[in-house]
Amino acid sequence: DPVATKVAENTSSREPVVAAKELPSAPNAVFRGMDGHEVSL
């Protein structure tokens, strides 16, 4: 696809590629145990 090729060329010159090893951080969730105590990630 020549259009897709052009977009890919333009995009690659402007935007960095995110490495696969860069994993997203989990939300800092705080759950609650059955006895009422907090369970914080």
PDB file of all heavy atoms in Angstrom:
ATOM      1  N   ASP A   1       0.850  -1.186   0.000  1.00  0.00           N
ATOM      2  CA  ASP A   1       0.000   0.000   0.000  1.00  0.00           C
ATOM      3  C   ASP A   1       0.890   1.241   0.000  1.00  0.00           C
ATOM      4  O   ASP A   1       1.515   1.573   1.006  1.00  0.00           O
ATOM      5  CB  ASP A   1      -0.887  -0.001   1.247  1.00  0.00           C
ATOM      6  CG  ASP A   1      -1.922   1.130   1.213  1.00  0.00           C
ATOM      7  OD1 ASP A   1      -1.746   2.080   0.430  1.00  0.00           O
ATOM      8  OD2 ASP A   1      -2.899   1.048   1.980  1.00  0.00           O
ATOM      9  N   PRO A   2       0.975   1.967  -1.138  1.00  0.00           N
ATOM     10  CA  PRO A   2       1.860   3.139  -1.205  1.00  0.00           C
ATOM     11  C   PRO A   2       1.475   4.218  -0.210  1.00  0.00           C
ATOM     12  O   PRO A   2       2.319   4.926   0.310  1.00  0.00           O
ATOM     13  CB  PRO A   2       1.691   3.612  -2.659  1.00  0.00           C
ATOM     14  CG  PRO A   2       0.393   3.009  -3.122  1.00  0.00           C
ATOM     15  CD  PRO A   2       0.272   1.711  -2.390  1.00  0.00           C
ATOM     16  N   VAL A   3       0.189   4.367   0.062  1.00  0.00           N
ATOM     17  CA  VAL A   3      -0.242   5.366   1.051  1.00  0.00           C
ATOM     18  C   VAL A   3       0.252   4.980   2.428  1.00  0.00           C
ATOM     19  O   VAL A   3       0.773   5.801   3.179  1.00  0.00           O
ATOM     20  CB  VAL A   3      -1.785   5.492   1.051  1.00  0.00           C
ATOM     21  CG1 VAL A   3      -2.231   6.446   2.151  1.00  0.00           C
ATOM     22  CG2 VAL A   3      -2.276   5.977  -0.300  1.00  0.00           C
ATOM     23  N   ALA A   4       0.106   3.688   2.762  1.00  0.00           N
ATOM     24  CA  ALA A   4       0.564   3.217   4.066  1.00  0.00           C
ATOM     25  C   ALA A   4       2.073   3.362   4.185  1.00  0.00           C
ATOM     26  O   ALA A   4       2.596   3.692   5.244  1.00  0.00           O
ATOM     27  CB  ALA A   4       0.161   1.750   4.268  1.00  0.00           C
ATOM     28  N   THR A   5       2.792   3.132   3.048  1.00  0.00           N
ATOM     29  CA  THR A   5       4.240   3.282   3.062  1.00  0.00           C
ATOM     30  C   THR A   5       4.635   4.712   3.379  1.00  0.00           C
ATOM     31  O   THR A   5       5.545   4.975   4.167  1.00  0.00           O
ATOM     32  CB  THR A   5       4.833   2.872   1.691  1.00  0.00           C
ATOM     33  OG1 THR A   5       4.448   1.534   1.403  1.00  0.00           O
ATOM     34  CG2 THR A   5       6.343   3.005   1.701  1.00  0.00           C
ATOM     35  N   LYS A   6       3.936   5.679   2.761  1.00  0.00           N
ATOM     36  CA  LYS A   6       4.234   7.083   2.986  1.00  0.00           C
ATOM     37  C   LYS A   6       3.967   7.462   4.433  1.00  0.00           C
ATOM     38  O   LYS A   6       4.762   8.157   5.073  1.00  0.00           O
ATOM     39  CB  LYS A   6       3.374   7.947   2.052  1.00  0.00           C
ATOM     40  CG  LYS A   6       3.729   9.443   2.093  1.00  0.00           C
ATOM     41  CD  LYS A   6       5.136   9.685   1.596  1.00  0.00           C
ATOM     42  CE  LYS A   6       5.468  11.185   1.564  1.00  0.00           C
ATOM     43  NZ  LYS A   6       6.850  11.410   1.096  1.00  0.00           N
ATOM     44  N   VAL A   7       2.843   6.990   4.975  1.00  0.00           N
ATOM     45  CA  VAL A   7       2.511   7.282   6.367  1.00  0.00           C
ATOM     46  C   VAL A   7       3.553   6.695   7.293  1.00  0.00           C
ATOM     47  O   VAL A   7       3.983   7.325   8.254  1.00  0.00           O
ATOM     48  CB  VAL A   7       1.112   6.706   6.717  1.00  0.00           C
ATOM     49  CG1 VAL A   7       0.855   6.806   8.217  1.00  0.00           C
ATOM     50  CG2 VAL A   7       0.025   7.452   5.951  1.00  0.00           C
ATOM     51  N   ALA A   8       3.992   5.458   6.993  1.00  0.00           N
ATOM     52  CA  ALA A   8       4.991   4.803   7.830  1.00  0.00           C
ATOM     53  C   ALA A   8       6.299   5.582   7.821  1.00  0.00           C
ATOM     54  O   ALA A   8       6.948   5.749   8.848  1.00  0.00           O
ATOM     55  CB  ALA A   8       5.225   3.374   7.346  1.00  0.00           C
ATOM     56  N   GLU A   9       6.689   6.087   6.620  1.00  0.00           N
ATOM     57  CA  GLU A   9       7.933   6.850   6.524  1.00  0.00           C
ATOM     58  C   GLU A   9       7.839   8.132   7.332  1.00  0.00           C
ATOM     59  O   GLU A   9       8.758   8.507   8.061  1.00  0.00           O
ATOM     60  CB  GLU A   9       8.237   7.166   5.064  1.00  0.00           C
ATOM     61  CG  GLU A   9       8.598   5.926   4.243  1.00  0.00           C
ATOM     62  CD  GLU A   9       8.716   6.250   2.764  1.00  0.00           C
ATOM     63  OE1 GLU A   9       8.331   7.379   2.374  1.00  0.00           O
ATOM     64  OE2 GLU A   9       9.204   5.390   2.022  1.00  0.00           O
ATOM     65  N   ASN A  10       6.714   8.839   7.196  1.00  0.00           N
ATOM     66  CA  ASN A  10       6.551  10.095   7.921  1.00  0.00           C
ATOM     67  C   ASN A  10       6.494   9.870   9.423  1.00  0.00           C
ATOM     68  O   ASN A  10       7.054  10.629  10.209  1.00  0.00           O
ATOM     69  CB  ASN A  10       5.267  10.807   7.461  1.00  0.00           C
ATOM     70  CG  ASN A  10       5.375  11.288   6.027  1.00  0.00           C
ATOM     71  OD1 ASN A  10       6.477  11.460   5.512  1.00  0.00           O
ATOM     72  ND2 ASN A  10       4.235  11.490   5.381  1.00  0.00           N
ATOM     73  N   THR A  11       5.807   8.803   9.824  1.00  0.00           N
ATOM     74  CA  THR A  11       5.660   8.525  11.246  1.00  0.00           C
ATOM     75  C   THR A  11       6.980   8.124  11.867  1.00  0.00           C
ATOM     76  O   THR A  11       7.322   8.562  12.957  1.00  0.00           O
ATOM     77  CB  THR A  11       4.637   7.387  11.462  1.00  0.00           C
ATOM     78  OG1 THR A  11       3.395   7.776  10.878  1.00  0.00           O
ATOM     79  CG2 THR A  11       4.431   7.113  12.946  1.00  0.00           C
ATOM     80  N   SER A  12       7.744   7.275  11.152  1.00  0.00           N
ATOM     81  CA  SER A  12       8.995   6.790  11.718  1.00  0.00           C
ATOM     82  C   SER A  12       9.997   7.909  11.917  1.00  0.00           C
ATOM     83  O   SER A  12      10.874   7.817  12.766  1.00  0.00           O
ATOM     84  CB  SER A  12       9.598   5.709  10.801  1.00  0.00           C
ATOM     85  OG  SER A  12       9.906   6.262   9.520  1.00  0.00           O
ATOM     86  N   SER A  13       9.887   8.978  11.153  1.00  0.00           N
ATOM     87  CA  SER A  13      10.832  10.079  11.294  1.00  0.00           C
ATOM     88  C   SER A  13      10.489  10.987  12.458  1.00  0.00           C
ATOM     89  O   SER A  13      11.309  11.764  12.906  1.00  0.00           O
ATOM     90  CB  SER A  13      10.868  10.907   9.994  1.00  0.00           C
ATOM     91  OG  SER A  13       9.596  11.519   9.775  1.00  0.00           O
ATOM     92  N   ARG A  14       9.244  10.877  12.976  1.00  0.00           N
ATOM     93  CA  ARG A  14       8.818  11.785  14.041  1.00  0.00           C
ATOM     94  C   ARG A  14       8.633  11.108  15.390  1.00  0.00           C
ATOM     95  O   ARG A  14       8.900  11.690  16.424  1.00  0.00           O
ATOM     96  CB  ARG A  14       7.486  12.441  13.661  1.00  0.00           C
ATOM     97  CG  ARG A  14       7.525  13.306  12.440  1.00  0.00           C
ATOM     98  CD  ARG A  14       6.288  14.178  12.379  1.00  0.00           C
ATOM     99  NE  ARG A  14       5.065  13.413  12.583  1.00  0.00           N
ATOM    100  CZ  ARG A  14       4.345  12.896  11.593  1.00  0.00           C
ATOM    101  NH1 ARG A  14       4.742  13.033  10.351  1.00  0.00           N
ATOM    102  NH2 ARG A  14       3.241  12.224  11.851  1.00  0.00           N
ATOM    103  N   GLU A  15       8.191   9.840  15.389  1.00  0.00           N
ATOM    104  CA  GLU A  15       7.794   9.205  16.632  1.00  0.00           C
ATOM    105  C   GLU A  15       8.756   8.082  17.010  1.00  0.00           C
ATOM    106  O   GLU A  15       9.101   7.247  16.181  1.00  0.00           O
ATOM    107  CB  GLU A  15       6.375   8.634  16.501  1.00  0.00           C
ATOM    108  CG  GLU A  15       5.337   9.695  16.215  1.00  0.00           C
ATOM    109  CD  GLU A  15       3.950   9.091  16.027  1.00  0.00           C
ATOM    110  OE1 GLU A  15       3.833   7.861  16.129  1.00  0.00           O
ATOM    111  OE2 GLU A  15       3.016   9.854  15.762  1.00  0.00           O
ATOM    112  N   PRO A  16       9.227   8.055  18.273  1.00  0.00           N
ATOM    113  CA  PRO A  16      10.107   6.965  18.699  1.00  0.00           C
ATOM    114  C   PRO A  16       9.336   5.658  18.801  1.00  0.00           C
ATOM    115  O   PRO A  16       8.139   5.646  19.055  1.00  0.00           O
ATOM    116  CB  PRO A  16      10.570   7.429  20.086  1.00  0.00           C
ATOM    117  CG  PRO A  16       9.453   8.310  20.565  1.00  0.00           C
ATOM    118  CD  PRO A  16       8.944   9.005  19.330  1.00  0.00           C
ATOM    119  N   VAL A  17      10.024   4.570  18.585  1.00  0.00           N
ATOM    120  CA  VAL A  17       9.424   3.252  18.709  1.00  0.00           C
ATOM    121  C   VAL A  17       9.528   2.811  20.163  1.00  0.00           C
ATOM    122  O   VAL A  17      10.600   2.858  20.757  1.00  0.00           O
ATOM    123  CB  VAL A  17      10.134   2.222  17.803  1.00  0.00           C
ATOM    124  CG1 VAL A  17       9.561   0.827  18.023  1.00  0.00           C
ATOM    125  CG2 VAL A  17       9.994   2.643  16.344  1.00  0.00           C
ATOM    126  N   VAL A  18       8.407   2.398  20.750  1.00  0.00           N
ATOM    127  CA  VAL A  18       8.407   1.950  22.134  1.00  0.00           C
ATOM    128  C   VAL A  18       8.916   0.523  22.200  1.00  0.00           C
ATOM    129  O   VAL A  18       8.410  -0.353  21.499  1.00  0.00           O
ATOM    130  CB  VAL A  18       6.980   2.018  22.745  1.00  0.00           C
ATOM    131  CG1 VAL A  18       6.982   1.517  24.182  1.00  0.00           C
ATOM    132  CG2 VAL A  18       6.451   3.445  22.676  1.00  0.00           C
ATOM    133  N   ALA A  19       9.916   0.279  23.026  1.00  0.00           N
ATOM    134  CA  ALA A  19      10.485  -1.053  23.148  1.00  0.00           C
ATOM    135  C   ALA A  19       9.474  -2.004  23.770  1.00  0.00           C
ATOM    136  O   ALA A  19       8.702  -1.625  24.631  1.00  0.00           O
ATOM    137  CB  ALA A  19      11.749  -1.001  24.009  1.00  0.00           C
ATOM    138  N   ALA A  20       9.518  -3.249  23.319  1.00  0.00           N
ATOM    139  CA  ALA A  20       8.555  -4.235  23.806  1.00  0.00           C
ATOM    140  C   ALA A  20       8.712  -4.492  25.299  1.00  0.00           C
ATOM    141  O   ALA A  20       7.771  -4.865  25.965  1.00  0.00           O
ATOM    142  CB  ALA A  20       8.725  -5.534  23.041  1.00  0.00           C
ATOM    143  N   LYS A  21       9.935  -4.270  25.830  1.00  0.00           N
ATOM    144  CA  LYS A  21      10.175  -4.561  27.236  1.00  0.00           C
ATOM    145  C   LYS A  21       9.617  -3.493  28.169  1.00  0.00           C
ATOM    146  O   LYS A  21       9.617  -3.670  29.378  1.00  0.00           O
ATOM    147  CB  LYS A  21      11.681  -4.720  27.479  1.00  0.00           C
ATOM    148  CG  LYS A  21      12.482  -3.449  27.250  1.00  0.00           C
ATOM    149  CD  LYS A  21      13.967  -3.695  27.519  1.00  0.00           C
ATOM    150  CE  LYS A  21      14.798  -2.435  27.276  1.00  0.00           C
ATOM    151  NZ  LYS A  21      16.232  -2.680  27.535  1.00  0.00           N
ATOM    152  N   GLU A  22       9.153  -2.378  27.624  1.00  0.00           N
ATOM    153  CA  GLU A  22       8.589  -1.310  28.445  1.00  0.00           C
ATOM    154  C   GLU A  22       7.142  -1.656  28.790  1.00  0.00           C
ATOM    155  O   GLU A  22       6.211  -1.322  28.064  1.00  0.00           O
ATOM    156  CB  GLU A  22       8.687   0.033  27.717  1.00  0.00           C
ATOM    157  CG  GLU A  22      10.125   0.499  27.509  1.00  0.00           C
ATOM    158  CD  GLU A  22      10.206   1.849  26.809  1.00  0.00           C
ATOM    159  OE1 GLU A  22       9.143   2.489  26.619  1.00  0.00           O
ATOM    160  OE2 GLU A  22      11.307   2.249  26.443  1.00  0.00           O
ATOM    161  N   LEU A  23       6.958  -2.301  29.903  1.00  0.00           N
ATOM    162  CA  LEU A  23       5.635  -2.748  30.312  1.00  0.00           C
ATOM    163  C   LEU A  23       4.919  -1.651  31.101  1.00  0.00           C
ATOM    164  O   LEU A  23       5.558  -0.896  31.837  1.00  0.00           O
ATOM    165  CB  LEU A  23       5.751  -4.006  31.179  1.00  0.00           C
ATOM    166  CG  LEU A  23       6.432  -5.201  30.515  1.00  0.00           C
ATOM    167  CD1 LEU A  23       6.652  -6.313  31.527  1.00  0.00           C
ATOM    168  CD2 LEU A  23       5.608  -5.707  29.346  1.00  0.00           C
ATOM    169  N   PRO A  24       3.596  -1.559  30.978  1.00  0.00           N
ATOM    170  CA  PRO A  24       2.851  -0.535  31.721  1.00  0.00           C
ATOM    171  C   PRO A  24       2.791  -0.862  33.208  1.00  0.00           C
ATOM    172  O   PRO A  24       2.732  -2.027  33.611  1.00  0.00           O
ATOM    173  CB  PRO A  24       1.448  -0.604  31.091  1.00  0.00           C
ATOM    174  CG  PRO A  24       1.337  -2.013  30.592  1.00  0.00           C
ATOM    175  CD  PRO A  24       2.716  -2.383  30.130  1.00  0.00           C
ATOM    176  N   SER A  25       2.817   0.164  34.025  1.00  0.00           N
ATOM    177  CA  SER A  25       2.702  -0.018  35.472  1.00  0.00           C
ATOM    178  C   SER A  25       1.253  -0.309  35.843  1.00  0.00           C
ATOM    179  O   SER A  25       0.323   0.260  35.264  1.00  0.00           O
ATOM    180  CB  SER A  25       3.180   1.231  36.214  1.00  0.00           C
ATOM    181  OG  SER A  25       4.558   1.459  35.977  1.00  0.00           O
ATOM    182  N   ALA A  26       1.085  -1.185  36.811  1.00  0.00           N
ATOM    183  CA  ALA A  26      -0.258  -1.496  37.286  1.00  0.00           C
ATOM    184  C   ALA A  26      -0.793  -0.328  38.115  1.00  0.00           C
ATOM    185  O   ALA A  26      -0.024   0.376  38.776  1.00  0.00           O
ATOM    186  CB  ALA A  26      -0.230  -2.759  38.142  1.00  0.00           C
ATOM    187  N   PRO A  27      -2.102  -0.093  38.069  1.00  0.00           N
ATOM    188  CA  PRO A  27      -2.683   0.960  38.918  1.00  0.00           C
ATOM    189  C   PRO A  27      -2.396   0.675  40.390  1.00  0.00           C
ATOM    190  O   PRO A  27      -2.300  -0.482  40.801  1.00  0.00           O
ATOM    191  CB  PRO A  27      -4.191   0.845  38.623  1.00  0.00           C
ATOM    192  CG  PRO A  27      -4.279   0.157  37.304  1.00  0.00           C
ATOM    193  CD  PRO A  27      -3.112  -0.772  37.243  1.00  0.00           C
ATOM    194  N   ASN A  28      -2.265   1.721  41.168  1.00  0.00           N
ATOM    195  CA  ASN A  28      -2.017   1.554  42.594  1.00  0.00           C
ATOM    196  C   ASN A  28      -3.345   1.252  43.294  1.00  0.00           C
ATOM    197  O   ASN A  28      -3.888   2.076  44.040  1.00  0.00           O
ATOM    198  CB  ASN A  28      -1.357   2.797  43.190  1.00  0.00           C
ATOM    199  CG  ASN A  28      -0.968   2.596  44.642  1.00  0.00           C
ATOM    200  OD1 ASN A  28      -0.807   1.464  45.094  1.00  0.00           O
ATOM    201  ND2 ASN A  28      -0.823   3.680  45.375  1.00  0.00           N
ATOM    202  N   ALA A  29      -3.871   0.081  43.029  1.00  0.00           N
ATOM    203  CA  ALA A  29      -5.178  -0.304  43.558  1.00  0.00           C
ATOM    204  C   ALA A  29      -5.081  -0.700  45.026  1.00  0.00           C
ATOM    205  O   ALA A  29      -4.070  -1.242  45.469  1.00  0.00           O
ATOM    206  CB  ALA A  29      -5.752  -1.460  42.748  1.00  0.00           C
ATOM    207  N   VAL A  30      -6.146  -0.432  45.752  1.00  0.00           N
ATOM    208  CA  VAL A  30      -6.247  -0.839  47.154  1.00  0.00           C
ATOM    209  C   VAL A  30      -7.559  -1.601  47.317  1.00  0.00           C
ATOM    210  O   VAL A  30      -8.644  -1.020  47.228  1.00  0.00           O
ATOM    211  CB  VAL A  30      -6.214   0.362  48.114  1.00  0.00           C
ATOM    212  CG1 VAL A  30      -6.335  -0.119  49.561  1.00  0.00           C
ATOM    213  CG2 VAL A  30      -4.935   1.171  47.924  1.00  0.00           C
ATOM    214  N   PHE A  31      -7.441  -2.899  47.512  1.00  0.00           N
ATOM    215  CA  PHE A  31      -8.615  -3.744  47.715  1.00  0.00           C
ATOM    216  C   PHE A  31      -8.848  -3.932  49.213  1.00  0.00           C
ATOM    217  O   PHE A  31      -8.097  -3.415  50.038  1.00  0.00           O
ATOM    218  CB  PHE A  31      -8.417  -5.086  47.006  1.00  0.00           C
ATOM    219  CG  PHE A  31      -8.118  -4.967  45.541  1.00  0.00           C
ATOM    220  CD1 PHE A  31      -6.886  -5.357  45.022  1.00  0.00           C
ATOM    221  CD2 PHE A  31      -9.059  -4.438  44.660  1.00  0.00           C
ATOM    222  CE1 PHE A  31      -6.604  -5.230  43.667  1.00  0.00           C
ATOM    223  CE2 PHE A  31      -8.795  -4.313  43.308  1.00  0.00           C
ATOM    224  CZ  PHE A  31      -7.559  -4.712  42.803  1.00  0.00           C
ATOM    225  N   ARG A  32      -9.882  -4.682  49.548  1.00  0.00           N
ATOM    226  CA  ARG A  32     -10.196  -4.882  50.966  1.00  0.00           C
ATOM    227  C   ARG A  32     -10.444  -6.366  51.239  1.00  0.00           C
ATOM    228  O   ARG A  32     -11.221  -7.013  50.548  1.00  0.00           O
ATOM    229  CB  ARG A  32     -11.428  -4.061  51.357  1.00  0.00           C
ATOM    230  CG  ARG A  32     -11.668  -4.019  52.865  1.00  0.00           C
ATOM    231  CD  ARG A  32     -12.719  -2.986  53.209  1.00  0.00           C
ATOM    232  NE  ARG A  32     -12.329  -1.651  52.794  1.00  0.00           N
ATOM    233  CZ  ARG A  32     -11.503  -0.862  53.480  1.00  0.00           C
ATOM    234  NH1 ARG A  32     -10.969  -1.288  54.610  1.00  0.00           N
ATOM    235  NH2 ARG A  32     -11.219   0.345  53.040  1.00  0.00           N
ATOM    236  N   GLY A  33      -9.751  -6.872  52.247  1.00  0.00           N
ATOM    237  CA  GLY A  33      -9.920  -8.258  52.635  1.00  0.00           C
ATOM    238  C   GLY A  33     -11.263  -8.481  53.310  1.00  0.00           C
ATOM    239  O   GLY A  33     -11.935  -7.533  53.720  1.00  0.00           O
ATOM    240  N   MET A  34     -11.643  -9.736  53.436  1.00  0.00           N
ATOM    241  CA  MET A  34     -12.919 -10.058  54.054  1.00  0.00           C
ATOM    242  C   MET A  34     -12.964  -9.640  55.517  1.00  0.00           C
ATOM    243  O   MET A  34     -14.046  -9.446  56.081  1.00  0.00           O
ATOM    244  CB  MET A  34     -13.193 -11.561  53.930  1.00  0.00           C
ATOM    245  CG  MET A  34     -13.347 -12.052  52.496  1.00  0.00           C
ATOM    246  SD  MET A  34     -14.728 -11.272  51.617  1.00  0.00           S
ATOM    247  CE  MET A  34     -16.130 -11.959  52.487  1.00  0.00           C
ATOM    248  N   ASP A  35     -11.801  -9.493  56.127  1.00  0.00           N
ATOM    249  CA  ASP A  35     -11.753  -9.053  57.523  1.00  0.00           C
ATOM    250  C   ASP A  35     -11.622  -7.545  57.659  1.00  0.00           C
ATOM    251  O   ASP A  35     -11.474  -7.011  58.758  1.00  0.00           O
ATOM    252  CB  ASP A  35     -10.598  -9.734  58.252  1.00  0.00           C
ATOM    253  CG  ASP A  35      -9.244  -9.428  57.615  1.00  0.00           C
ATOM    254  OD1 ASP A  35      -9.214  -8.682  56.599  1.00  0.00           O
ATOM    255  OD2 ASP A  35      -8.221  -9.930  58.111  1.00  0.00           O
ATOM    256  N   GLY A  36     -11.650  -6.839  56.509  1.00  0.00           N
ATOM    257  CA  GLY A  36     -11.615  -5.380  56.543  1.00  0.00           C
ATOM    258  C   GLY A  36     -10.253  -4.760  56.317  1.00  0.00           C
ATOM    259  O   GLY A  36     -10.153  -3.539  56.144  1.00  0.00           O
ATOM    260  N   HIS A  37      -9.190  -5.549  56.308  1.00  0.00           N
ATOM    261  CA  HIS A  37      -7.858  -4.965  56.139  1.00  0.00           C
ATOM    262  C   HIS A  37      -7.623  -4.588  54.676  1.00  0.00           C
ATOM    263  O   HIS A  37      -8.197  -5.192  53.768  1.00  0.00           O
ATOM    264  CB  HIS A  37      -6.773  -5.937  56.604  1.00  0.00           C
ATOM    265  CG  HIS A  37      -6.508  -7.061  55.648  1.00  0.00           C
ATOM    266  ND1 HIS A  37      -7.324  -8.170  55.549  1.00  0.00           N
ATOM    267  CD2 HIS A  37      -5.505  -7.249  54.736  1.00  0.00           C
ATOM    268  CE1 HIS A  37      -6.851  -8.993  54.629  1.00  0.00           C
ATOM    269  NE2 HIS A  37      -5.750  -8.462  54.108  1.00  0.00           N
ATOM    270  N   GLU A  38      -6.783  -3.583  54.462  1.00  0.00           N
ATOM    271  CA  GLU A  38      -6.488  -3.118  53.109  1.00  0.00           C
ATOM    272  C   GLU A  38      -5.428  -4.000  52.456  1.00  0.00           C
ATOM    273  O   GLU A  38      -4.484  -4.459  53.105  1.00  0.00           O
ATOM    274  CB  GLU A  38      -6.003  -1.668  53.135  1.00  0.00           C
ATOM    275  CG  GLU A  38      -7.093  -0.664  53.475  1.00  0.00           C
ATOM    276  CD  GLU A  38      -6.624   0.773  53.294  1.00  0.00           C
ATOM    277  OE1 GLU A  38      -5.389   0.981  53.187  1.00  0.00           O
ATOM    278  OE2 GLU A  38      -7.480   1.676  53.262  1.00  0.00           O
ATOM    279  N   VAL A  39      -5.608  -4.226  51.168  1.00  0.00           N
ATOM    280  CA  VAL A  39      -4.640  -4.970  50.370  1.00  0.00           C
ATOM    281  C   VAL A  39      -4.188  -4.046  49.248  1.00  0.00           C
ATOM    282  O   VAL A  39      -4.912  -3.827  48.272  1.00  0.00           O
ATOM    283  CB  VAL A  39      -5.252  -6.261  49.791  1.00  0.00           C
ATOM    284  CG1 VAL A  39      -4.211  -7.014  48.966  1.00  0.00           C
ATOM    285  CG2 VAL A  39      -5.790  -7.146  50.905  1.00  0.00           C
ATOM    286  N   SER A  40      -3.002  -3.489  49.406  1.00  0.00           N
ATOM    287  CA  SER A  40      -2.494  -2.492  48.459  1.00  0.00           C
ATOM    288  C   SER A  40      -1.484  -3.126  47.506  1.00  0.00           C
ATOM    289  O   SER A  40      -0.528  -3.784  47.944  1.00  0.00           O
ATOM    290  CB  SER A  40      -1.830  -1.340  49.221  1.00  0.00           C
ATOM    291  OG  SER A  40      -1.195  -0.439  48.329  1.00  0.00           O
ATOM    292  N   LEU A  41      -1.680  -2.907  46.218  1.00  0.00           N
ATOM    293  CA  LEU A  41      -0.736  -3.446  45.236  1.00  0.00           C
ATOM    294  C   LEU A  41       0.661  -2.863  45.421  1.00  0.00           C
ATOM    295  O   LEU A  41       1.657  -3.552  45.194  1.00  0.00           O
ATOM    296  CB  LEU A  41      -1.233  -3.164  43.815  1.00  0.00           C
ATOM    297  CG  LEU A  41      -2.352  -4.063  43.268  1.00  0.00           C
ATOM    298  CD1 LEU A  41      -2.641  -3.698  41.821  1.00  0.00           C
ATOM    299  CD2 LEU A  41      -1.993  -5.529  43.384  1.00  0.00           C
TER     300      LEU A  41
END
